[in-house]
């Protein structure tokens, strides 16, 4: 499943994008896109995985992502925010994409 997943993502990875395994079943991608475009890309990956059935075995993926803003661009912080969104995706039923959205807005 991990190899198939990597192949699916590599096929869909936009030019300038980077993809890596963090460990276990966790991966990270950095793509040059705005939040809305990132959402679309994540959904393309999720749906492609859903259609992929290596050795007739169906599997799914939960995706959490965070978009860089003018206030936050550090990779370690964005990765932690994406991880929060990932846990929300898992808690909300899995096989879904969730974006990290701050509960607070700057005034």
PDB file of N, CA and C in Angstrom:
ATOM      1  N   UNK A   1       0.822  -1.176   0.000  1.00  0.00           N
ATOM      2  CA  UNK A   1       0.000   0.000   0.000  1.00  0.00           C
ATOM      3  C   UNK A   1       0.877   1.255   0.000  1.00  0.00           C
ATOM      4  N   UNK A   2       1.956   1.236   0.778  1.00  0.00           N
ATOM      5  CA  UNK A   2       2.819   2.410   0.845  1.00  0.00           C
ATOM      6  C   UNK A   2       3.443   2.722  -0.514  1.00  0.00           C
ATOM      7  N   UNK A   3       3.876   1.698  -1.218  1.00  0.00           N
ATOM      8  CA  UNK A   3       4.475   1.909  -2.542  1.00  0.00           C
ATOM      9  C   UNK A   3       3.426   2.455  -3.498  1.00  0.00           C
ATOM     10  N   UNK A   4       2.241   1.872  -3.493  1.00  0.00           N
ATOM     11  CA  UNK A   4       1.173   2.348  -4.361  1.00  0.00           C
ATOM     12  C   UNK A   4       0.840   3.799  -4.042  1.00  0.00           C
ATOM     13  N   UNK A   5       0.724   4.125  -2.769  1.00  0.00           N
ATOM     14  CA  UNK A   5       0.413   5.495  -2.364  1.00  0.00           C
ATOM     15  C   UNK A   5       1.472   6.460  -2.890  1.00  0.00           C
ATOM     16  N   UNK A   6       2.729   6.108  -2.730  1.00  0.00           N
ATOM     17  CA  UNK A   6       3.816   6.967  -3.216  1.00  0.00           C
ATOM     18  C   UNK A   6       3.738   7.158  -4.724  1.00  0.00           C
ATOM     19  N   UNK A   7       3.408   6.115  -5.443  1.00  0.00           N
ATOM     20  CA  UNK A   7       3.277   6.217  -6.896  1.00  0.00           C
ATOM     21  C   UNK A   7       2.121   7.143  -7.283  1.00  0.00           C
ATOM     22  N   UNK A   8       1.004   7.037  -6.578  1.00  0.00           N
ATOM     23  CA  UNK A   8      -0.148   7.901  -6.845  1.00  0.00           C
ATOM     24  C   UNK A   8       0.244   9.360  -6.618  1.00  0.00           C
ATOM     25  N   UNK A   9       0.869   9.650  -5.490  1.00  0.00           N
ATOM     26  CA  UNK A   9       1.235  11.029  -5.168  1.00  0.00           C
ATOM     27  C   UNK A   9       2.260  11.555  -6.157  1.00  0.00           C
ATOM     28  N   UNK A  10       3.281  10.769  -6.465  1.00  0.00           N
ATOM     29  CA  UNK A  10       4.316  11.222  -7.398  1.00  0.00           C
ATOM     30  C   UNK A  10       3.711  11.570  -8.753  1.00  0.00           C
ATOM     31  N   UNK A  11       2.721  10.802  -9.185  1.00  0.00           N
ATOM     32  CA  UNK A  11       2.070  11.062 -10.467  1.00  0.00           C
ATOM     33  C   UNK A  11       1.323  12.395 -10.461  1.00  0.00           C
ATOM     34  N   UNK A  12       0.780  12.769  -9.312  1.00  0.00           N
ATOM     35  CA  UNK A  12      -0.022  13.990  -9.200  1.00  0.00           C
ATOM     36  C   UNK A  12       0.757  15.193  -8.672  1.00  0.00           C
ATOM     37  N   UNK A  13       1.970  14.990  -8.233  1.00  0.00           N
ATOM     38  CA  UNK A  13       2.770  16.066  -7.634  1.00  0.00           C
ATOM     39  C   UNK A  13       3.044  17.163  -8.665  1.00  0.00           C
ATOM     40  N   UNK A  14       2.680  18.406  -8.341  1.00  0.00           N
ATOM     41  CA  UNK A  14       2.914  19.484  -9.304  1.00  0.00           C
ATOM     42  C   UNK A  14       4.405  19.828  -9.421  1.00  0.00           C
ATOM     43  N   UNK A  15       4.743  20.489 -10.498  1.00  0.00           N
ATOM     44  CA  UNK A  15       6.112  20.938 -10.701  1.00  0.00           C
ATOM     45  C   UNK A  15       6.533  21.811  -9.517  1.00  0.00           C
ATOM     46  N   UNK A  16       7.701  21.563  -8.994  1.00  0.00           N
ATOM     47  CA  UNK A  16       8.184  22.324  -7.841  1.00  0.00           C
ATOM     48  C   UNK A  16       7.737  21.750  -6.512  1.00  0.00           C
ATOM     49  N   UNK A  17       6.893  20.721  -6.534  1.00  0.00           N
ATOM     50  CA  UNK A  17       6.418  20.086  -5.307  1.00  0.00           C
ATOM     51  C   UNK A  17       7.438  19.104  -4.760  1.00  0.00           C
ATOM     52  N   UNK A  18       7.356  18.861  -3.478  1.00  0.00           N
ATOM     53  CA  UNK A  18       8.227  17.897  -2.805  1.00  0.00           C
ATOM     54  C   UNK A  18       7.360  16.976  -1.962  1.00  0.00           C
ATOM     55  N   UNK A  19       7.780  15.706  -1.881  1.00  0.00           N
ATOM     56  CA  UNK A  19       7.004  14.692  -1.170  1.00  0.00           C
ATOM     57  C   UNK A  19       7.974  13.773  -0.444  1.00  0.00           C
ATOM     58  N   UNK A  20       7.673  13.458   0.817  1.00  0.00           N
ATOM     59  CA  UNK A  20       8.572  12.601   1.596  1.00  0.00           C
ATOM     60  C   UNK A  20       7.790  11.825   2.648  1.00  0.00           C
ATOM     61  N   UNK A  21       8.320  10.684   2.994  1.00  0.00           N
ATOM     62  CA  UNK A  21       7.763   9.881   4.079  1.00  0.00           C
ATOM     63  C   UNK A  21       8.371  10.374   5.378  1.00  0.00           C
ATOM     64  N   UNK A  22       7.505  10.655   6.354  1.00  0.00           N
ATOM     65  CA  UNK A  22       7.969  11.107   7.664  1.00  0.00           C
ATOM     66  C   UNK A  22       8.275   9.924   8.565  1.00  0.00           C
ATOM     67  N   UNK A  23       7.580   8.831   8.346  1.00  0.00           N
ATOM     68  CA  UNK A  23       7.754   7.634   9.158  1.00  0.00           C
ATOM     69  C   UNK A  23       6.440   6.882   9.239  1.00  0.00           C
ATOM     70  N   UNK A  24       6.530   5.585   9.395  1.00  0.00           N
ATOM     71  CA  UNK A  24       5.310   4.788   9.489  1.00  0.00           C
ATOM     72  C   UNK A  24       4.426   5.018   8.289  1.00  0.00           C
ATOM     73  N   UNK A  25       3.211   5.451   8.541  1.00  0.00           N
ATOM     74  CA  UNK A  25       2.251   5.719   7.476  1.00  0.00           C
ATOM     75  C   UNK A  25       1.989   7.210   7.327  1.00  0.00           C
ATOM     76  N   UNK A  26       2.942   8.033   7.723  1.00  0.00           N
ATOM     77  CA  UNK A  26       2.770   9.484   7.625  1.00  0.00           C
ATOM     78  C   UNK A  26       3.720  10.064   6.592  1.00  0.00           C
ATOM     79  N   UNK A  27       3.168  10.954   5.766  1.00  0.00           N
ATOM     80  CA  UNK A  27       3.903  11.581   4.685  1.00  0.00           C
ATOM     81  C   UNK A  27       3.664  13.079   4.731  1.00  0.00           C
ATOM     82  N   UNK A  28       4.529  13.823   4.063  1.00  0.00           N
ATOM     83  CA  UNK A  28       4.351  15.268   3.940  1.00  0.00           C
ATOM     84  C   UNK A  28       4.625  15.670   2.499  1.00  0.00           C
ATOM     85  N   UNK A  29       3.878  16.643   2.048  1.00  0.00           N
ATOM     86  CA  UNK A  29       4.096  17.211   0.715  1.00  0.00           C
ATOM     87  C   UNK A  29       4.141  18.720   0.856  1.00  0.00           C
ATOM     88  N   UNK A  30       5.018  19.313   0.109  1.00  0.00           N
ATOM     89  CA  UNK A  30       5.077  20.773   0.011  1.00  0.00           C
ATOM     90  C   UNK A  30       4.774  21.079  -1.445  1.00  0.00           C
ATOM     91  N   UNK A  31       3.715  21.842  -1.657  1.00  0.00           N
ATOM     92  CA  UNK A  31       3.368  22.174  -3.033  1.00  0.00           C
ATOM     93  C   UNK A  31       3.210  23.690  -3.161  1.00  0.00           C
ATOM     94  N   UNK A  32       3.650  24.233  -4.287  1.00  0.00           N
ATOM     95  CA  UNK A  32       3.511  25.670  -4.518  1.00  0.00           C
ATOM     96  C   UNK A  32       2.088  25.993  -4.977  1.00  0.00           C
ATOM     97  N   UNK A  33       1.212  26.241  -4.022  1.00  0.00           N
ATOM     98  CA  UNK A  33      -0.192  26.496  -4.360  1.00  0.00           C
ATOM     99  C   UNK A  33      -0.852  27.292  -3.247  1.00  0.00           C
ATOM    100  N   UNK A  34      -1.891  28.012  -3.596  1.00  0.00           N
ATOM    101  CA  UNK A  34      -2.712  28.700  -2.594  1.00  0.00           C
ATOM    102  C   UNK A  34      -3.609  27.661  -1.923  1.00  0.00           C
ATOM    103  N   UNK A  35      -4.239  28.055  -0.834  1.00  0.00           N
ATOM    104  CA  UNK A  35      -5.039  27.115  -0.039  1.00  0.00           C
ATOM    105  C   UNK A  35      -6.097  26.392  -0.874  1.00  0.00           C
ATOM    106  N   UNK A  36      -6.820  27.107  -1.709  1.00  0.00           N
ATOM    107  CA  UNK A  36      -7.863  26.477  -2.523  1.00  0.00           C
ATOM    108  C   UNK A  36      -7.303  25.471  -3.510  1.00  0.00           C
ATOM    109  N   UNK A  37      -6.166  25.816  -4.109  1.00  0.00           N
ATOM    110  CA  UNK A  37      -5.512  24.897  -5.041  1.00  0.00           C
ATOM    111  C   UNK A  37      -4.969  23.685  -4.293  1.00  0.00           C
ATOM    112  N   UNK A  38      -4.462  23.905  -3.087  1.00  0.00           N
ATOM    113  CA  UNK A  38      -3.949  22.805  -2.271  1.00  0.00           C
ATOM    114  C   UNK A  38      -5.082  21.844  -1.913  1.00  0.00           C
ATOM    115  N   UNK A  39      -6.246  22.398  -1.572  1.00  0.00           N
ATOM    116  CA  UNK A  39      -7.416  21.563  -1.264  1.00  0.00           C
ATOM    117  C   UNK A  39      -7.751  20.670  -2.456  1.00  0.00           C
ATOM    118  N   UNK A  40      -7.778  21.259  -3.652  1.00  0.00           N
ATOM    119  CA  UNK A  40      -8.092  20.495  -4.864  1.00  0.00           C
ATOM    120  C   UNK A  40      -7.060  19.391  -5.081  1.00  0.00           C
ATOM    121  N   UNK A  41      -5.784  19.719  -4.907  1.00  0.00           N
ATOM    122  CA  UNK A  41      -4.730  18.716  -5.089  1.00  0.00           C
ATOM    123  C   UNK A  41      -4.888  17.583  -4.078  1.00  0.00           C
ATOM    124  N   UNK A  42      -5.132  17.923  -2.822  1.00  0.00           N
ATOM    125  CA  UNK A  42      -5.317  16.890  -1.787  1.00  0.00           C
ATOM    126  C   UNK A  42      -6.489  15.985  -2.138  1.00  0.00           C
ATOM    127  N   UNK A  43      -7.570  16.569  -2.612  1.00  0.00           N
ATOM    128  CA  UNK A  43      -8.740  15.771  -2.995  1.00  0.00           C
ATOM    129  C   UNK A  43      -8.429  14.885  -4.200  1.00  0.00           C
ATOM    130  N   UNK A  44      -7.634  15.389  -5.136  1.00  0.00           N
ATOM    131  CA  UNK A  44      -7.240  14.548  -6.277  1.00  0.00           C
ATOM    132  C   UNK A  44      -6.458  13.331  -5.789  1.00  0.00           C
ATOM    133  N   UNK A  45      -5.554  13.564  -4.855  1.00  0.00           N
ATOM    134  CA  UNK A  45      -4.773  12.457  -4.292  1.00  0.00           C
ATOM    135  C   UNK A  45      -5.708  11.482  -3.585  1.00  0.00           C
ATOM    136  N   UNK A  46      -6.586  11.995  -2.740  1.00  0.00           N
ATOM    137  CA  UNK A  46      -7.492  11.133  -1.980  1.00  0.00           C
ATOM    138  C   UNK A  46      -8.360  10.288  -2.904  1.00  0.00           C
ATOM    139  N   UNK A  47      -8.918  10.906  -3.934  1.00  0.00           N
ATOM    140  CA  UNK A  47      -9.785  10.177  -4.854  1.00  0.00           C
ATOM    141  C   UNK A  47      -8.998   9.183  -5.705  1.00  0.00           C
ATOM    142  N   UNK A  48      -7.784   9.524  -6.098  1.00  0.00           N
ATOM    143  CA  UNK A  48      -6.948   8.591  -6.859  1.00  0.00           C
ATOM    144  C   UNK A  48      -6.592   7.372  -6.011  1.00  0.00           C
ATOM    145  N   UNK A  49      -6.322   7.594  -4.741  1.00  0.00           N
ATOM    146  CA  UNK A  49      -6.034   6.483  -3.830  1.00  0.00           C
ATOM    147  C   UNK A  49      -7.268   5.611  -3.685  1.00  0.00           C
ATOM    148  N   UNK A  50      -8.410   6.232  -3.569  1.00  0.00           N
ATOM    149  CA  UNK A  50      -9.668   5.488  -3.413  1.00  0.00           C
ATOM    150  C   UNK A  50      -9.921   4.588  -4.625  1.00  0.00           C
ATOM    151  N   UNK A  51      -9.549   5.058  -5.824  1.00  0.00           N
ATOM    152  CA  UNK A  51      -9.728   4.257  -7.048  1.00  0.00           C
ATOM    153  C   UNK A  51      -8.646   3.193  -7.209  1.00  0.00           C
ATOM    154  N   UNK A  52      -7.496   3.422  -6.600  1.00  0.00           N
ATOM    155  CA  UNK A  52      -6.378   2.487  -6.741  1.00  0.00           C
ATOM    156  C   UNK A  52      -6.629   1.261  -5.871  1.00  0.00           C
ATOM    157  N   UNK A  53      -6.452   0.102  -6.453  1.00  0.00           N
ATOM    158  CA  UNK A  53      -6.657  -1.127  -5.692  1.00  0.00           C
ATOM    159  C   UNK A  53      -5.565  -2.129  -6.054  1.00  0.00           C
ATOM    160  N   UNK A  54      -4.347  -1.874  -5.570  1.00  0.00           N
ATOM    161  CA  UNK A  54      -3.265  -2.816  -5.886  1.00  0.00           C
ATOM    162  C   UNK A  54      -3.574  -4.194  -5.306  1.00  0.00           C
ATOM    163  N   UNK A  55      -3.357  -5.211  -6.107  1.00  0.00           N
ATOM    164  CA  UNK A  55      -3.648  -6.590  -5.684  1.00  0.00           C
ATOM    165  C   UNK A  55      -5.083  -6.736  -5.186  1.00  0.00           C
ATOM    166  N   UNK A  56      -6.002  -5.963  -5.768  1.00  0.00           N
ATOM    167  CA  UNK A  56      -7.433  -5.990  -5.423  1.00  0.00           C
ATOM    168  C   UNK A  56      -7.710  -5.639  -3.968  1.00  0.00           C
ATOM    169  N   UNK A  57      -6.841  -4.828  -3.380  1.00  0.00           N
ATOM    170  CA  UNK A  57      -7.027  -4.390  -1.993  1.00  0.00           C
ATOM    171  C   UNK A  57      -7.345  -2.898  -2.000  1.00  0.00           C
ATOM    172  N   UNK A  58      -8.536  -2.558  -1.529  1.00  0.00           N
ATOM    173  CA  UNK A  58      -8.933  -1.155  -1.461  1.00  0.00           C
ATOM    174  C   UNK A  58      -8.379  -0.528  -0.185  1.00  0.00           C
ATOM    175  N   UNK A  59      -7.964   0.715  -0.293  1.00  0.00           N
ATOM    176  CA  UNK A  59      -7.525   1.458   0.889  1.00  0.00           C
ATOM    177  C   UNK A  59      -7.872   2.925   0.702  1.00  0.00           C
ATOM    178  N   UNK A  60      -7.783   3.682   1.763  1.00  0.00           N
ATOM    179  CA  UNK A  60      -8.120   5.104   1.700  1.00  0.00           C
ATOM    180  C   UNK A  60      -7.045   5.912   2.412  1.00  0.00           C
ATOM    181  N   UNK A  61      -7.173   7.228   2.308  1.00  0.00           N
ATOM    182  CA  UNK A  61      -6.206   8.118   2.936  1.00  0.00           C
ATOM    183  C   UNK A  61      -6.947   9.296   3.572  1.00  0.00           C
ATOM    184  N   UNK A  62      -6.476   9.694   4.720  1.00  0.00           N
ATOM    185  CA  UNK A  62      -6.947  10.912   5.371  1.00  0.00           C
ATOM    186  C   UNK A  62      -5.850  11.943   5.201  1.00  0.00           C
ATOM    187  N   UNK A  63      -6.229  13.176   4.861  1.00  0.00           N
ATOM    188  CA  UNK A  63      -5.248  14.216   4.572  1.00  0.00           C
ATOM    189  C   UNK A  63      -5.545  15.449   5.409  1.00  0.00           C
ATOM    190  N   UNK A  64      -4.518  15.969   6.034  1.00  0.00           N
ATOM    191  CA  UNK A  64      -4.597  17.249   6.723  1.00  0.00           C
ATOM    192  C   UNK A  64      -3.583  18.173   6.093  1.00  0.00           C
ATOM    193  N   UNK A  65      -3.971  19.438   5.875  1.00  0.00           N
ATOM    194  CA  UNK A  65      -3.010  20.372   5.305  1.00  0.00           C
ATOM    195  C   UNK A  65      -3.143  21.751   5.918  1.00  0.00           C
ATOM    196  N   UNK A  66      -2.073  22.500   5.819  1.00  0.00           N
ATOM    197  CA  UNK A  66      -2.039  23.886   6.269  1.00  0.00           C
ATOM    198  C   UNK A  66      -1.408  24.705   5.161  1.00  0.00           C
ATOM    199  N   UNK A  67      -1.894  25.909   4.981  1.00  0.00           N
ATOM    200  CA  UNK A  67      -1.369  26.789   3.938  1.00  0.00           C
ATOM    201  C   UNK A  67      -0.520  27.878   4.582  1.00  0.00           C
ATOM    202  N   UNK A  68       0.554  28.208   3.914  1.00  0.00           N
ATOM    203  CA  UNK A  68       1.418  29.288   4.378  1.00  0.00           C
ATOM    204  C   UNK A  68       0.676  30.611   4.252  1.00  0.00           C
ATOM    205  N   UNK A  69       0.841  31.451   5.245  1.00  0.00           N
ATOM    206  CA  UNK A  69       0.223  32.776   5.222  1.00  0.00           C
ATOM    207  C   UNK A  69       1.304  33.821   5.443  1.00  0.00           C
ATOM    208  N   UNK A  70       0.906  35.064   5.385  1.00  0.00           N
ATOM    209  CA  UNK A  70       1.885  36.126   5.637  1.00  0.00           C
ATOM    210  C   UNK A  70       2.388  36.097   7.078  1.00  0.00           C
ATOM    211  N   UNK A  71       1.633  35.456   7.967  1.00  0.00           N
ATOM    212  CA  UNK A  71       2.063  35.398   9.369  1.00  0.00           C
ATOM    213  C   UNK A  71       2.803  34.113   9.718  1.00  0.00           C
ATOM    214  N   UNK A  72       2.630  33.061   8.920  1.00  0.00           N
ATOM    215  CA  UNK A  72       3.301  31.799   9.243  1.00  0.00           C
ATOM    216  C   UNK A  72       3.840  31.120   7.995  1.00  0.00           C
ATOM    217  N   UNK A  73       5.172  30.972   7.959  1.00  0.00           N
ATOM    218  CA  UNK A  73       5.802  30.325   6.818  1.00  0.00           C
ATOM    219  C   UNK A  73       6.804  29.256   7.248  1.00  0.00           C
ATOM    220  N   UNK A  74       7.048  29.100   8.554  1.00  0.00           N
ATOM    221  CA  UNK A  74       8.029  28.108   9.015  1.00  0.00           C
ATOM    222  C   UNK A  74       7.495  26.699   8.815  1.00  0.00           C
ATOM    223  N   UNK A  75       8.338  25.849   8.224  1.00  0.00           N
ATOM    224  CA  UNK A  75       7.938  24.483   7.906  1.00  0.00           C
ATOM    225  C   UNK A  75       7.502  23.713   9.145  1.00  0.00           C
ATOM    226  N   UNK A  76       8.254  23.799  10.237  1.00  0.00           N
ATOM    227  CA  UNK A  76       7.909  23.015  11.423  1.00  0.00           C
ATOM    228  C   UNK A  76       6.543  23.399  11.980  1.00  0.00           C
ATOM    229  N   UNK A  77       6.208  24.677  11.930  1.00  0.00           N
ATOM    230  CA  UNK A  77       4.903  25.128  12.423  1.00  0.00           C
ATOM    231  C   UNK A  77       3.799  24.670  11.471  1.00  0.00           C
ATOM    232  N   UNK A  78       4.024  24.838  10.174  1.00  0.00           N
ATOM    233  CA  UNK A  78       3.018  24.396   9.195  1.00  0.00           C
ATOM    234  C   UNK A  78       2.781  22.890   9.281  1.00  0.00           C
ATOM    235  N   UNK A  79       3.843  22.132   9.502  1.00  0.00           N
ATOM    236  CA  UNK A  79       3.709  20.680   9.638  1.00  0.00           C
ATOM    237  C   UNK A  79       2.865  20.332  10.870  1.00  0.00           C
ATOM    238  N   UNK A  80       3.083  21.023  11.973  1.00  0.00           N
ATOM    239  CA  UNK A  80       2.291  20.784  13.187  1.00  0.00           C
ATOM    240  C   UNK A  80       0.820  21.148  12.966  1.00  0.00           C
ATOM    241  N   UNK A  81       0.571  22.233  12.242  1.00  0.00           N
ATOM    242  CA  UNK A  81      -0.810  22.635  11.956  1.00  0.00           C
ATOM    243  C   UNK A  81      -1.491  21.626  11.033  1.00  0.00           C
ATOM    244  N   UNK A  82      -0.758  21.144  10.032  1.00  0.00           N
ATOM    245  CA  UNK A  82      -1.305  20.120   9.137  1.00  0.00           C
ATOM    246  C   UNK A  82      -1.608  18.844   9.911  1.00  0.00           C
ATOM    247  N   UNK A  83      -0.758  18.517  10.883  1.00  0.00           N
ATOM    248  CA  UNK A  83      -0.975  17.332  11.707  1.00  0.00           C
ATOM    249  C   UNK A  83      -2.273  17.467  12.512  1.00  0.00           C
ATOM    250  N   UNK A  84      -2.546  18.673  13.026  1.00  0.00           N
ATOM    251  CA  UNK A  84      -3.814  18.908  13.735  1.00  0.00           C
ATOM    252  C   UNK A  84      -4.998  18.654  12.796  1.00  0.00           C
ATOM    253  N   UNK A  85      -4.884  19.142  11.576  1.00  0.00           N
ATOM    254  CA  UNK A  85      -5.961  18.939  10.602  1.00  0.00           C
ATOM    255  C   UNK A  85      -6.107  17.461  10.259  1.00  0.00           C
ATOM    256  N   UNK A  86      -4.991  16.744  10.179  1.00  0.00           N
ATOM    257  CA  UNK A  86      -5.032  15.305   9.905  1.00  0.00           C
ATOM    258  C   UNK A  86      -5.800  14.567  11.000  1.00  0.00           C
ATOM    259  N   UNK A  87      -5.532  14.887  12.250  1.00  0.00           N
ATOM    260  CA  UNK A  87      -6.235  14.211  13.341  1.00  0.00           C
ATOM    261  C   UNK A  87      -7.724  14.546  13.317  1.00  0.00           C
ATOM    262  N   UNK A  88      -8.074  15.754  12.890  1.00  0.00           N
ATOM    263  CA  UNK A  88      -9.487  16.111  12.747  1.00  0.00           C
ATOM    264  C   UNK A  88     -10.125  15.287  11.628  1.00  0.00           C
ATOM    265  N   UNK A  89      -9.382  15.081  10.530  1.00  0.00           N
ATOM    266  CA  UNK A  89      -9.891  14.254   9.423  1.00  0.00           C
ATOM    267  C   UNK A  89     -10.134  12.829   9.895  1.00  0.00           C
ATOM    268  N   UNK A  90      -9.217  12.292  10.660  1.00  0.00           N
ATOM    269  CA  UNK A  90      -9.384  10.926  11.173  1.00  0.00           C
ATOM    270  C   UNK A  90     -10.559  10.840  12.137  1.00  0.00           C
ATOM    271  N   UNK A  91     -10.696  11.834  12.998  1.00  0.00           N
ATOM    272  CA  UNK A  91     -11.769  11.830  13.987  1.00  0.00           C
ATOM    273  C   UNK A  91     -13.138  12.049  13.343  1.00  0.00           C
ATOM    274  N   UNK A  92     -13.151  12.640  12.144  1.00  0.00           N
ATOM    275  CA  UNK A  92     -14.408  12.938  11.456  1.00  0.00           C
ATOM    276  C   UNK A  92     -14.855  11.835  10.509  1.00  0.00           C
ATOM    277  N   UNK A  93     -14.204  10.697  10.567  1.00  0.00           N
ATOM    278  CA  UNK A  93     -14.653   9.567   9.775  1.00  0.00           C
ATOM    279  C   UNK A  93     -13.649   9.029   8.773  1.00  0.00           C
ATOM    280  N   UNK A  94     -12.475   9.598   8.697  1.00  0.00           N
ATOM    281  CA  UNK A  94     -11.419   9.133   7.787  1.00  0.00           C
ATOM    282  C   UNK A  94     -11.792   9.318   6.325  1.00  0.00           C
ATOM    283  N   UNK A  95     -10.829   9.022   5.445  1.00  0.00           N
ATOM    284  CA  UNK A  95     -11.006   9.151   4.002  1.00  0.00           C
ATOM    285  C   UNK A  95     -11.560  10.521   3.633  1.00  0.00           C
ATOM    286  N   UNK A  96     -10.890  11.557   4.125  1.00  0.00           N
ATOM    287  CA  UNK A  96     -11.322  12.935   3.878  1.00  0.00           C
ATOM    288  C   UNK A  96     -10.135  13.875   3.951  1.00  0.00           C
ATOM    289  N   UNK A  97     -10.339  15.087   3.481  1.00  0.00           N
ATOM    290  CA  UNK A  97      -9.324  16.139   3.526  1.00  0.00           C
ATOM    291  C   UNK A  97      -9.798  17.223   4.474  1.00  0.00           C
ATOM    292  N   UNK A  98      -8.911  17.653   5.353  1.00  0.00           N
ATOM    293  CA  UNK A  98      -9.221  18.748   6.266  1.00  0.00           C
ATOM    294  C   UNK A  98      -8.096  19.774   6.211  1.00  0.00           C
ATOM    295  N   UNK A  99      -8.467  21.047   6.187  1.00  0.00           N
ATOM    296  CA  UNK A  99      -7.495  22.131   6.237  1.00  0.00           C
ATOM    297  C   UNK A  99      -7.436  22.675   7.649  1.00  0.00           C
ATOM    298  N   UNK A 100      -6.222  23.030   8.088  1.00  0.00           N
ATOM    299  CA  UNK A 100      -6.106  23.698   9.376  1.00  0.00           C
ATOM    300  C   UNK A 100      -6.666  25.095   9.221  1.00  0.00           C
ATOM    301  N   UNK A 101      -7.622  25.428  10.068  1.00  0.00           N
ATOM    302  CA  UNK A 101      -8.192  26.776  10.082  1.00  0.00           C
ATOM    303  C   UNK A 101      -8.110  27.295  11.498  1.00  0.00           C
ATOM    304  N   UNK A 102      -7.498  28.440  11.665  1.00  0.00           N
ATOM    305  CA  UNK A 102      -7.371  29.044  12.991  1.00  0.00           C
ATOM    306  C   UNK A 102      -8.737  29.474  13.483  1.00  0.00           C
ATOM    307  N   UNK A 103      -8.969  29.307  14.770  1.00  0.00           N
ATOM    308  CA  UNK A 103     -10.222  29.774  15.374  1.00  0.00           C
ATOM    309  C   UNK A 103     -10.200  31.270  15.600  1.00  0.00           C
ATOM    310  N   UNK A 104      -9.010  31.856  15.481  1.00  0.00           N
ATOM    311  CA  UNK A 104      -8.862  33.291  15.729  1.00  0.00           C
ATOM    312  C   UNK A 104      -8.458  33.986  14.442  1.00  0.00           C
ATOM    313  N   UNK A 105      -8.991  35.165  14.258  1.00  0.00           N
ATOM    314  CA  UNK A 105      -8.591  35.966  13.097  1.00  0.00           C
ATOM    315  C   UNK A 105      -7.881  37.210  13.584  1.00  0.00           C
ATOM    316  N   UNK A 106      -6.912  37.638  12.821  1.00  0.00           N
ATOM    317  CA  UNK A 106      -6.174  38.844  13.198  1.00  0.00           C
ATOM    318  C   UNK A 106      -7.057  40.067  13.021  1.00  0.00           C
ATOM    319  N   UNK A 107      -6.914  41.021  13.948  1.00  0.00           N
ATOM    320  CA  UNK A 107      -7.716  42.236  13.799  1.00  0.00           C
ATOM    321  C   UNK A 107      -6.893  43.356  13.254  1.00  0.00           C
TER     322      UNK A 107
END
